[in-house]
Amino acid sequence: MTRYFFNVRSENTYISDAEGQEHADLGAAKEEAKIAAREMLAELVKRGHHIDGRRFEITDASGTVCLTMPFRDVLRFS
């Protein structure tokens, strides 16, 4: 198991994930990020907040960015 950190970045903000979560591999971490992004987007939309430009920067324990996943990638319009 590898510990991945799900940091959130937007145009003006960076929110660091201090705890992280253990996952079998990067693919499993990406699936977790998709679920979390959908939940976060739902709250932002309900509150009328700007959502464009937010993304997860998934890092490993050394701080290396393993994957960048824009929140918009989890939206479906059709």
N, C-alpha and C. Protein backbone atom coordinates (compact mmCIF):
# COMPACT_ATOMS: atom_id res chain seq x y z
N MET A 1 0.85 -1.18 0.00
CA MET A 1 0.00 0.00 0.00
C MET A 1 0.89 1.24 0.00
N THR A 2 0.45 2.23 -0.74
CA THR A 2 1.15 3.50 -0.83
C THR A 2 0.26 4.60 -0.29
N ARG A 3 0.84 5.54 0.44
CA ARG A 3 0.07 6.68 0.94
C ARG A 3 0.12 7.79 -0.10
N TYR A 4 -1.08 8.22 -0.51
CA TYR A 4 -1.23 9.31 -1.47
C TYR A 4 -1.91 10.48 -0.78
N PHE A 5 -1.54 11.68 -1.21
CA PHE A 5 -2.07 12.91 -0.65
C PHE A 5 -2.85 13.64 -1.74
N PHE A 6 -4.06 14.07 -1.38
CA PHE A 6 -5.00 14.66 -2.33
C PHE A 6 -5.07 16.16 -2.11
N ASN A 7 -4.09 16.87 -2.63
CA ASN A 7 -4.04 18.32 -2.48
C ASN A 7 -4.96 18.96 -3.52
N VAL A 8 -5.63 20.03 -3.11
CA VAL A 8 -6.55 20.72 -4.01
C VAL A 8 -5.94 22.06 -4.39
N ARG A 9 -5.92 22.31 -5.69
CA ARG A 9 -5.39 23.58 -6.19
C ARG A 9 -6.44 24.23 -7.09
N SER A 10 -6.55 25.54 -6.97
CA SER A 10 -7.38 26.33 -7.88
C SER A 10 -6.56 27.54 -8.29
N GLU A 11 -7.20 28.49 -8.95
CA GLU A 11 -6.47 29.66 -9.42
C GLU A 11 -5.80 30.41 -8.27
N ASN A 12 -6.50 30.53 -7.13
CA ASN A 12 -6.02 31.37 -6.04
C ASN A 12 -5.71 30.59 -4.76
N THR A 13 -5.94 29.30 -4.75
CA THR A 13 -5.90 28.55 -3.51
C THR A 13 -5.11 27.26 -3.66
N TYR A 14 -4.45 26.87 -2.56
CA TYR A 14 -3.82 25.56 -2.48
C TYR A 14 -4.16 24.99 -1.11
N ILE A 15 -4.82 23.84 -1.08
CA ILE A 15 -5.18 23.19 0.17
C ILE A 15 -4.42 21.88 0.24
N SER A 16 -3.53 21.80 1.21
CA SER A 16 -2.67 20.64 1.37
C SER A 16 -3.38 19.56 2.19
N ASP A 17 -3.28 18.34 1.74
CA ASP A 17 -3.80 17.19 2.47
C ASP A 17 -2.68 16.67 3.37
N ALA A 18 -2.80 16.92 4.67
CA ALA A 18 -1.74 16.55 5.61
C ALA A 18 -1.76 15.07 5.99
N GLU A 19 -2.91 14.42 5.84
CA GLU A 19 -3.03 13.02 6.29
C GLU A 19 -2.82 12.01 5.17
N GLY A 20 -3.43 12.25 4.04
CA GLY A 20 -3.36 11.30 2.94
C GLY A 20 -4.17 10.04 3.22
N GLN A 21 -4.15 9.15 2.26
CA GLN A 21 -4.86 7.87 2.36
C GLN A 21 -4.02 6.79 1.69
N GLU A 22 -4.10 5.59 2.22
CA GLU A 22 -3.38 4.48 1.62
C GLU A 22 -4.24 3.80 0.56
N HIS A 23 -3.59 3.53 -0.58
CA HIS A 23 -4.26 2.85 -1.69
C HIS A 23 -3.30 1.83 -2.30
N ALA A 24 -3.87 0.84 -2.92
CA ALA A 24 -3.07 -0.23 -3.52
C ALA A 24 -2.16 0.29 -4.63
N ASP A 25 -2.66 1.27 -5.40
CA ASP A 25 -1.88 1.82 -6.50
C ASP A 25 -2.45 3.17 -6.90
N LEU A 26 -1.82 3.80 -7.87
CA LEU A 26 -2.26 5.12 -8.32
C LEU A 26 -3.65 5.08 -8.94
N GLY A 27 -3.99 3.99 -9.60
CA GLY A 27 -5.33 3.85 -10.19
C GLY A 27 -6.41 3.90 -9.12
N ALA A 28 -6.18 3.24 -8.00
CA ALA A 28 -7.14 3.26 -6.89
C ALA A 28 -7.23 4.66 -6.29
N ALA A 29 -6.09 5.34 -6.21
CA ALA A 29 -6.09 6.72 -5.70
C ALA A 29 -6.88 7.63 -6.64
N LYS A 30 -6.74 7.41 -7.94
CA LYS A 30 -7.48 8.23 -8.91
C LYS A 30 -8.99 8.01 -8.77
N GLU A 31 -9.40 6.78 -8.56
CA GLU A 31 -10.84 6.51 -8.37
C GLU A 31 -11.36 7.21 -7.13
N GLU A 32 -10.58 7.21 -6.06
CA GLU A 32 -10.97 7.93 -4.85
C GLU A 32 -11.07 9.43 -5.11
N ALA A 33 -10.14 9.96 -5.89
CA ALA A 33 -10.16 11.38 -6.25
C ALA A 33 -11.41 11.73 -7.05
N LYS A 34 -11.83 10.85 -7.94
CA LYS A 34 -13.05 11.09 -8.72
C LYS A 34 -14.27 11.21 -7.81
N ILE A 35 -14.37 10.31 -6.85
CA ILE A 35 -15.50 10.33 -5.92
C ILE A 35 -15.48 11.63 -5.11
N ALA A 36 -14.32 11.96 -4.59
CA ALA A 36 -14.19 13.16 -3.77
C ALA A 36 -14.47 14.41 -4.59
N ALA A 37 -14.00 14.47 -5.83
CA ALA A 37 -14.24 15.63 -6.68
C ALA A 37 -15.73 15.81 -6.95
N ARG A 38 -16.45 14.73 -7.18
CA ARG A 38 -17.90 14.83 -7.41
C ARG A 38 -18.60 15.39 -6.18
N GLU A 39 -18.20 14.91 -5.01
CA GLU A 39 -18.82 15.40 -3.77
C GLU A 39 -18.50 16.87 -3.55
N MET A 40 -17.27 17.26 -3.78
CA MET A 40 -16.88 18.65 -3.59
C MET A 40 -17.57 19.56 -4.61
N LEU A 41 -17.65 19.11 -5.85
CA LEU A 41 -18.33 19.90 -6.87
C LEU A 41 -19.80 20.10 -6.54
N ALA A 42 -20.45 19.05 -6.05
CA ALA A 42 -21.86 19.16 -5.69
C ALA A 42 -22.06 20.26 -4.65
N GLU A 43 -21.21 20.29 -3.64
CA GLU A 43 -21.32 21.32 -2.60
C GLU A 43 -21.05 22.71 -3.17
N LEU A 44 -20.05 22.83 -4.02
CA LEU A 44 -19.73 24.12 -4.61
C LEU A 44 -20.88 24.64 -5.48
N VAL A 45 -21.47 23.76 -6.26
CA VAL A 45 -22.59 24.15 -7.13
C VAL A 45 -23.78 24.58 -6.28
N LYS A 46 -24.08 23.82 -5.22
CA LYS A 46 -25.21 24.18 -4.35
C LYS A 46 -25.01 25.56 -3.73
N ARG A 47 -23.79 25.93 -3.47
CA ARG A 47 -23.50 27.22 -2.83
C ARG A 47 -23.27 28.34 -3.84
N GLY A 48 -23.31 28.00 -5.12
CA GLY A 48 -23.15 29.00 -6.17
C GLY A 48 -21.72 29.47 -6.37
N HIS A 49 -20.75 28.64 -5.98
CA HIS A 49 -19.34 29.01 -6.11
C HIS A 49 -18.81 28.69 -7.50
N HIS A 50 -17.76 29.37 -7.85
CA HIS A 50 -17.03 29.15 -9.11
C HIS A 50 -16.31 27.81 -9.01
N ILE A 51 -16.43 26.96 -10.01
CA ILE A 51 -15.81 25.63 -9.93
C ILE A 51 -14.71 25.42 -10.95
N ASP A 52 -14.61 26.23 -11.96
CA ASP A 52 -13.63 25.99 -13.01
C ASP A 52 -12.21 26.20 -12.48
N GLY A 53 -11.31 25.34 -12.88
CA GLY A 53 -9.91 25.46 -12.53
C GLY A 53 -9.48 24.66 -11.31
N ARG A 54 -10.41 24.07 -10.58
CA ARG A 54 -10.03 23.27 -9.41
C ARG A 54 -9.53 21.91 -9.88
N ARG A 55 -8.53 21.43 -9.15
CA ARG A 55 -7.96 20.13 -9.52
C ARG A 55 -7.30 19.50 -8.30
N PHE A 56 -7.22 18.19 -8.35
CA PHE A 56 -6.44 17.45 -7.36
C PHE A 56 -5.03 17.32 -7.90
N GLU A 57 -4.08 17.52 -7.02
CA GLU A 57 -2.69 17.16 -7.30
C GLU A 57 -2.39 16.02 -6.34
N ILE A 58 -2.37 14.82 -6.86
CA ILE A 58 -2.14 13.64 -6.03
C ILE A 58 -0.63 13.43 -5.94
N THR A 59 -0.12 13.45 -4.70
CA THR A 59 1.31 13.29 -4.50
C THR A 59 1.59 12.04 -3.66
N ASP A 60 2.83 11.60 -3.72
CA ASP A 60 3.25 10.50 -2.85
C ASP A 60 3.86 11.11 -1.58
N ALA A 61 4.37 10.27 -0.70
CA ALA A 61 4.89 10.73 0.59
C ALA A 61 6.08 11.68 0.44
N SER A 62 6.81 11.59 -0.65
CA SER A 62 7.95 12.48 -0.86
C SER A 62 7.54 13.83 -1.44
N GLY A 63 6.25 13.99 -1.79
CA GLY A 63 5.75 15.24 -2.36
C GLY A 63 5.78 15.29 -3.87
N THR A 64 6.18 14.21 -4.49
CA THR A 64 6.20 14.15 -5.95
C THR A 64 4.77 14.06 -6.48
N VAL A 65 4.43 14.92 -7.42
CA VAL A 65 3.11 14.88 -8.02
C VAL A 65 3.03 13.66 -8.94
N CYS A 66 2.13 12.75 -8.60
CA CYS A 66 1.94 11.52 -9.37
C CYS A 66 0.87 11.68 -10.43
N LEU A 67 -0.11 12.55 -10.13
CA LEU A 67 -1.25 12.71 -11.04
C LEU A 67 -1.92 14.05 -10.76
N THR A 68 -2.27 14.75 -11.82
CA THR A 68 -3.10 15.95 -11.71
C THR A 68 -4.44 15.63 -12.35
N MET A 69 -5.51 15.85 -11.60
CA MET A 69 -6.84 15.52 -12.10
C MET A 69 -7.77 16.72 -11.95
N PRO A 70 -8.05 17.41 -13.07
CA PRO A 70 -9.00 18.52 -13.01
C PRO A 70 -10.38 18.03 -12.60
N PHE A 71 -11.05 18.78 -11.72
CA PHE A 71 -12.38 18.42 -11.30
C PHE A 71 -13.33 18.29 -12.49
N ARG A 72 -13.13 19.11 -13.51
CA ARG A 72 -14.04 19.09 -14.66
C ARG A 72 -14.05 17.73 -15.35
N ASP A 73 -12.99 16.93 -15.14
CA ASP A 73 -12.92 15.62 -15.78
C ASP A 73 -13.96 14.64 -15.25
N VAL A 74 -14.58 14.93 -14.10
CA VAL A 74 -15.57 14.02 -13.55
C VAL A 74 -17.01 14.44 -13.89
N LEU A 75 -17.16 15.56 -14.59
CA LEU A 75 -18.49 16.03 -14.97
C LEU A 75 -18.94 15.37 -16.27
N ARG A 76 -20.21 15.02 -16.30
CA ARG A 76 -20.80 14.45 -17.53
C ARG A 76 -22.03 15.27 -17.88
N PHE A 77 -22.11 15.65 -19.14
CA PHE A 77 -23.23 16.47 -19.61
C PHE A 77 -24.14 15.73 -20.55
N SER A 78 -23.85 14.48 -20.84
CA SER A 78 -24.74 13.72 -21.72
C SER A 78 -24.80 12.28 -21.29
